[in-house]
């Protein structure tokens, strides 16, 4: 007689736990939408700071922290918005169809509200920094990346330049957070490196068999063109960085040049991984999945 009672109690527990389990999975899906691993790209914000400090910049950890969090919020706002825009395309993709919005685990309404909320949060944090340039850069980043999501990613070369702009804005933000003017060589170096990463992303799309149905801009590229463009942008990155170090400004004037060999190694190693593993869709994915 006791067995039915136990079964009913267990069944009751299951019913009580299922809403909690559903809530937990909803939070996991929201976390996937935000893509926190891609916040690593914000190393571009920090990259120019040592040089900028040697050129008269002023480091305020409070302002720097607010700026980094604002950029992370802006990044996530764009990623969520892009998943909402691409939901119908992603449902036909063998891998992307499992994304939270494409698989309908997160509703499109929730995605739009989350994206808008993150964008507002990013701009609000930028305002709290009390630096108009920071507000302008965060707003420009969100605006340009929305343009990329809506139309730019379907246009050859326009997609690469819009992706590049996102990294350059990060560098400019880093300079703005320490109240320093960016060096022309710094802008050239960051632009070349960003273009290198964007071209590697497009190459990975082609090698991975992504069709023009999922990425219309691929119709305007060939693998040969992308390989040559990668080599050119890699060379530009190394040369621009070397000239930047010779500019004589930084925390250790005249000594930054010793970092050039490490930059050359880093660029060449990334290029090797792109060609050997056919990765490149994301710098984060390449670095985290690099073979030993």
Protein backbone atom coordinates (compact mmCIF):
# COMPACT_ATOMS: atom_id res chain seq x y z
CA UNK A 1 0.00 0.00 0.00
CA UNK A 2 2.98 2.26 0.54
CA UNK A 3 4.31 2.00 -3.02
CA UNK A 4 1.58 4.11 -4.65
CA UNK A 5 2.13 6.79 -2.04
CA UNK A 6 5.87 6.91 -2.77
CA UNK A 7 5.21 7.09 -6.50
CA UNK A 8 2.80 9.96 -6.07
CA UNK A 9 5.29 11.81 -3.88
CA UNK A 10 8.05 11.26 -6.43
CA UNK A 11 5.77 12.39 -9.21
CA UNK A 12 4.99 15.50 -7.20
CA UNK A 13 8.66 16.24 -6.83
CA UNK A 14 9.17 15.84 -10.57
CA UNK A 15 6.40 18.32 -11.26
CA UNK A 16 7.91 20.75 -8.77
CA UNK A 17 11.39 20.43 -10.27
CA UNK A 18 10.42 20.77 -13.92
CA UNK A 19 9.70 24.53 -13.77
CA UNK A 20 13.03 25.04 -12.03
CA UNK A 21 14.79 22.94 -14.65
CA UNK A 22 13.10 24.92 -17.41
CA UNK A 23 14.14 28.17 -15.76
CA UNK A 24 17.72 26.94 -15.46
CA UNK A 25 17.87 26.01 -19.13
CA UNK A 26 16.41 29.41 -20.05
CA UNK A 27 19.26 31.10 -18.19
CA UNK A 28 21.75 28.85 -19.99
CA UNK A 29 20.27 29.82 -23.35
CA UNK A 30 20.42 33.51 -22.44
CA UNK A 31 24.07 32.99 -21.53
CA UNK A 32 24.71 31.38 -24.91
CA UNK A 33 23.07 34.34 -26.63
CA UNK A 34 25.40 36.78 -24.87
CA UNK A 35 28.51 34.86 -26.05
CA UNK A 36 30.76 35.89 -23.16
CA UNK A 37 33.73 34.02 -24.66
CA UNK A 38 33.79 36.64 -27.43
CA UNK A 39 34.39 39.38 -24.90
CA UNK A 40 38.03 38.30 -25.27
CA UNK A 41 38.03 40.42 -28.43
CA UNK A 42 38.00 43.44 -26.15
CA UNK A 43 41.71 42.89 -25.62
CA UNK A 44 41.83 45.45 -28.46
CA UNK A 45 40.53 48.00 -25.93
CA UNK A 46 43.44 47.33 -23.58
CA UNK A 47 46.09 46.86 -26.30
CA UNK A 48 46.93 50.56 -26.89
CA UNK A 49 46.82 51.63 -23.24
CA UNK A 50 50.50 50.95 -22.33
CA UNK A 51 51.60 53.04 -25.31
CA UNK A 52 49.01 55.74 -24.62
CA UNK A 53 50.11 56.08 -20.99
CA UNK A 54 53.65 56.79 -22.14
CA UNK A 55 52.28 59.50 -24.39
CA UNK A 56 50.58 61.49 -21.65
CA UNK A 57 47.51 59.36 -21.01
CA UNK A 58 45.94 59.18 -17.54
CA UNK A 59 44.79 55.83 -16.15
CA UNK A 60 41.59 55.85 -14.10
CA UNK A 61 40.64 52.28 -13.19
CA UNK A 62 37.01 53.28 -12.56
CA UNK A 63 36.65 54.78 -16.04
CA UNK A 64 38.54 51.88 -17.62
CA UNK A 65 36.31 49.34 -15.88
CA UNK A 66 33.12 51.13 -16.95
CA UNK A 67 34.39 51.34 -20.53
CA UNK A 68 35.20 47.63 -20.70
CA UNK A 69 31.83 46.60 -19.25
CA UNK A 70 30.05 48.98 -21.64
CA UNK A 71 31.83 47.43 -24.62
CA UNK A 72 31.02 43.91 -23.41
CA UNK A 73 27.34 44.89 -23.14
CA UNK A 74 27.46 46.41 -26.63
CA UNK A 75 29.09 43.24 -28.00
CA UNK A 76 26.36 41.05 -26.53
CA UNK A 77 23.62 43.41 -27.75
CA UNK A 78 24.91 43.02 -31.30
CA UNK A 79 25.26 39.22 -31.04
CA UNK A 80 21.69 38.84 -29.78
CA UNK A 81 20.39 41.20 -32.48
CA UNK A 82 22.27 39.24 -35.15
CA UNK A 83 20.81 35.93 -33.95
CA UNK A 84 17.35 37.46 -34.19
CA UNK A 85 17.96 38.78 -37.71
CA UNK A 86 19.47 35.48 -38.88
CA UNK A 87 16.98 33.17 -37.14
CA UNK A 88 15.30 31.98 -40.36
CA UNK A 89 18.65 31.40 -42.12
CA UNK A 90 20.13 29.66 -39.11
CA UNK A 91 17.28 27.15 -39.01
CA UNK A 92 18.52 25.79 -42.36
CA UNK A 93 22.16 25.59 -41.22
CA UNK A 94 23.41 22.21 -39.89
CA UNK A 95 25.13 23.79 -36.87
CA UNK A 96 23.57 27.22 -36.35
CA UNK A 97 20.07 25.74 -36.19
CA UNK A 98 20.84 24.79 -32.60
CA UNK A 99 21.28 28.41 -31.54
CA UNK A 100 18.74 29.49 -28.89
CA UNK A 101 16.68 31.80 -31.14
CA UNK A 102 16.85 29.59 -34.24
CA UNK A 103 15.77 26.54 -32.23
CA UNK A 104 13.00 28.63 -30.58
CA UNK A 105 14.27 27.91 -27.08
CA UNK A 106 14.38 31.69 -26.75
CA UNK A 107 11.53 33.61 -28.39
CA UNK A 108 12.28 36.33 -30.92
CA UNK A 109 10.47 38.87 -28.73
CA UNK A 110 12.75 38.01 -25.82
CA UNK A 111 15.81 38.34 -28.07
CA UNK A 112 14.77 41.80 -29.30
CA UNK A 113 14.04 43.03 -25.77
CA UNK A 114 17.33 41.61 -24.49
CA UNK A 115 19.31 43.22 -27.31
CA UNK A 116 17.66 46.61 -26.75
CA UNK A 117 18.22 46.37 -23.01
CA UNK A 118 21.91 45.57 -23.44
CA UNK A 119 22.37 48.44 -25.91
CA UNK A 120 20.72 50.87 -23.48
CA UNK A 121 22.91 49.51 -20.68
CA UNK A 122 26.04 50.00 -22.81
CA UNK A 123 25.19 53.62 -23.64
CA UNK A 124 24.23 54.36 -20.02
CA UNK A 125 27.56 53.02 -18.77
CA UNK A 126 29.36 55.08 -21.41
CA UNK A 127 27.57 58.20 -20.15
CA UNK A 128 28.67 57.38 -16.59
CA UNK A 129 32.28 57.55 -17.76
CA UNK A 130 31.67 61.30 -18.23
CA UNK A 131 33.63 61.27 -21.47
CA UNK A 132 31.78 62.28 -24.60
CA UNK A 133 34.18 60.41 -26.88
CA UNK A 134 33.41 57.14 -25.09
CA UNK A 135 29.67 57.65 -25.62
CA UNK A 136 30.22 58.44 -29.30
CA UNK A 137 32.41 55.36 -29.83
CA UNK A 138 29.99 52.98 -28.10
CA UNK A 139 27.10 54.43 -30.11
CA UNK A 140 29.09 54.20 -33.34
CA UNK A 141 30.03 50.60 -32.63
CA UNK A 142 26.42 49.55 -32.06
CA UNK A 143 25.20 51.49 -35.12
CA UNK A 144 27.83 50.10 -37.51
CA UNK A 145 27.39 46.53 -36.30
CA UNK A 146 23.61 46.76 -36.66
CA UNK A 147 24.22 47.94 -40.23
CA UNK A 148 26.42 44.87 -40.69
CA UNK A 149 23.74 42.54 -39.31
CA UNK A 150 20.92 44.00 -41.41
CA UNK A 151 22.62 44.44 -44.76
CA UNK A 152 26.40 44.84 -44.71
CA UNK A 153 27.27 41.17 -44.20
CA UNK A 154 25.65 40.33 -47.56
CA UNK A 155 27.97 42.65 -49.53
CA UNK A 156 31.51 41.53 -50.51
CA UNK A 157 34.30 43.65 -48.96
CA UNK A 158 31.71 45.85 -47.24
CA UNK A 159 31.27 43.02 -44.74
CA UNK A 160 35.03 42.83 -44.11
CA UNK A 161 35.37 46.59 -43.64
CA UNK A 162 32.42 46.72 -41.23
CA UNK A 163 33.91 43.89 -39.20
CA UNK A 164 37.24 45.74 -39.24
CA UNK A 165 35.57 48.92 -37.98
CA UNK A 166 34.45 47.12 -34.84
CA UNK A 167 38.04 46.32 -33.85
CA UNK A 168 39.32 49.79 -34.72
CA UNK A 169 36.61 51.33 -32.54
CA UNK A 170 37.82 49.15 -29.68
CA UNK A 171 41.33 50.58 -30.07
CA UNK A 172 39.99 54.13 -30.21
CA UNK A 173 37.93 53.40 -27.10
CA UNK A 174 41.05 52.26 -25.26
CA UNK A 175 42.76 55.56 -26.09
CA UNK A 176 39.67 57.56 -25.09
CA UNK A 177 39.47 55.80 -21.72
CA UNK A 178 42.95 57.11 -20.82
CA UNK A 179 42.43 60.50 -22.50
CA UNK A 180 45.13 59.98 -25.13
CA UNK A 181 45.20 60.61 -28.87
CA UNK A 182 45.81 57.47 -30.95
CA UNK A 183 48.95 57.26 -33.06
CA UNK A 184 48.48 57.04 -36.82
CA UNK A 185 50.67 53.94 -36.83
CA UNK A 186 48.50 52.42 -34.12
CA UNK A 187 45.38 52.95 -36.22
CA UNK A 188 47.08 51.45 -39.28
CA UNK A 189 48.31 48.46 -37.28
CA UNK A 190 44.94 47.78 -35.65
CA UNK A 191 43.12 48.20 -38.98
CA UNK A 192 45.45 45.74 -40.72
CA UNK A 193 45.15 43.21 -37.89
CA UNK A 194 41.37 43.54 -37.79
CA UNK A 195 41.16 43.07 -41.55
CA UNK A 196 43.40 40.02 -41.24
CA UNK A 197 40.97 38.47 -38.72
CA UNK A 198 37.91 39.39 -40.82
CA UNK A 199 39.40 37.85 -43.98
CA UNK A 200 40.26 34.69 -42.05
CA UNK A 201 36.60 34.53 -41.01
CA UNK A 202 35.42 34.69 -44.62
CA UNK A 203 37.98 32.07 -45.67
CA UNK A 204 36.68 29.74 -42.96
CA UNK A 205 33.14 30.25 -44.27
CA UNK A 206 34.16 29.17 -47.78
CA UNK A 207 36.32 26.24 -46.66
CA UNK A 208 33.60 25.12 -44.27
CA UNK A 209 31.13 24.78 -47.13
CA UNK A 210 28.89 27.68 -46.16
CA UNK A 211 26.68 28.50 -49.15
CA UNK A 212 25.64 31.85 -50.56
CA UNK A 213 22.16 31.04 -49.27
CA UNK A 214 23.46 31.41 -45.73
CA UNK A 215 26.09 34.07 -46.51
CA UNK A 216 25.36 35.89 -49.82
CA UNK A 217 28.64 37.85 -49.71
CA UNK A 218 30.61 34.63 -50.28
CA UNK A 219 29.57 34.77 -53.93
CA UNK A 220 31.93 37.71 -54.34
CA UNK A 221 35.00 35.92 -52.94
CA UNK A 222 37.30 33.16 -54.08
CA UNK A 223 39.64 31.12 -51.91
CA UNK A 224 42.65 32.35 -53.90
CA UNK A 225 41.71 36.00 -53.36
CA UNK A 226 41.23 35.48 -49.63
CA UNK A 227 44.56 33.64 -49.28
CA UNK A 228 46.38 36.49 -51.03
CA UNK A 229 44.51 39.15 -49.06
CA UNK A 230 45.38 37.34 -45.82
CA UNK A 231 49.08 37.42 -46.69
CA UNK A 232 48.92 41.14 -47.54
CA UNK A 233 47.07 42.07 -44.34
CA UNK A 234 49.43 39.94 -42.23
CA UNK A 235 52.44 41.73 -43.71
CA UNK A 236 50.81 45.12 -43.19
CA UNK A 237 50.14 44.27 -39.55
CA UNK A 238 53.76 43.37 -38.85
CA UNK A 239 55.21 46.40 -40.67
CA UNK A 240 52.76 48.85 -39.10
CA UNK A 241 53.46 47.48 -35.61
CA UNK A 242 57.22 47.76 -36.12
CA UNK A 243 56.86 51.37 -37.28
CA UNK A 244 54.55 52.07 -34.34
CA UNK A 245 57.22 50.82 -31.92
CA UNK A 246 59.85 52.98 -33.64
CA UNK A 247 57.61 56.01 -33.13
CA UNK A 248 59.35 56.50 -29.78
CA UNK A 249 56.23 56.87 -27.64
CA UNK A 250 55.25 54.50 -24.86
CA UNK A 251 56.06 53.45 -21.32
CA UNK A 252 59.52 52.27 -22.37
CA UNK A 253 60.60 54.54 -25.25
CA UNK A 254 62.90 52.73 -27.65
CA UNK A 255 62.39 49.35 -25.98
CA UNK A 256 58.99 48.38 -27.38
CA UNK A 257 60.79 47.29 -30.54
CA UNK A 258 61.88 44.16 -28.70
CA UNK A 259 58.24 43.04 -28.77
CA UNK A 260 58.22 42.92 -32.59
CA UNK A 261 59.54 39.32 -32.83
CA UNK A 262 56.72 38.15 -30.57
CA UNK A 263 54.14 39.93 -32.72
CA UNK A 264 55.65 38.38 -35.86
CA UNK A 265 55.46 34.96 -34.23
CA UNK A 266 51.86 35.52 -33.15
CA UNK A 267 50.69 36.60 -36.61
CA UNK A 268 52.54 33.75 -38.33
CA UNK A 269 51.22 31.19 -35.86
CA UNK A 270 47.65 32.39 -36.34
CA UNK A 271 48.13 32.23 -40.11
CA UNK A 272 49.49 28.70 -39.78
CA UNK A 273 46.47 27.61 -37.75
CA UNK A 274 44.07 29.18 -40.26
CA UNK A 275 45.67 27.28 -43.16
CA UNK A 276 46.30 24.02 -41.30
CA UNK A 277 43.00 23.63 -39.47
CA UNK A 278 40.79 25.64 -41.86
CA UNK A 279 39.45 27.48 -38.83
CA UNK A 280 39.17 31.25 -38.60
CA UNK A 281 35.43 31.79 -38.20
CA UNK A 282 36.29 33.38 -34.87
CA UNK A 283 39.66 34.40 -33.39
CA UNK A 284 38.43 33.03 -30.07
CA UNK A 285 37.63 29.63 -31.60
CA UNK A 286 41.02 29.46 -33.32
CA UNK A 287 42.93 30.23 -30.13
CA UNK A 288 40.85 27.98 -27.88
CA UNK A 289 40.96 25.01 -30.27
CA UNK A 290 44.59 25.37 -31.34
CA UNK A 291 46.22 21.92 -31.57
CA UNK A 292 49.35 21.22 -29.55
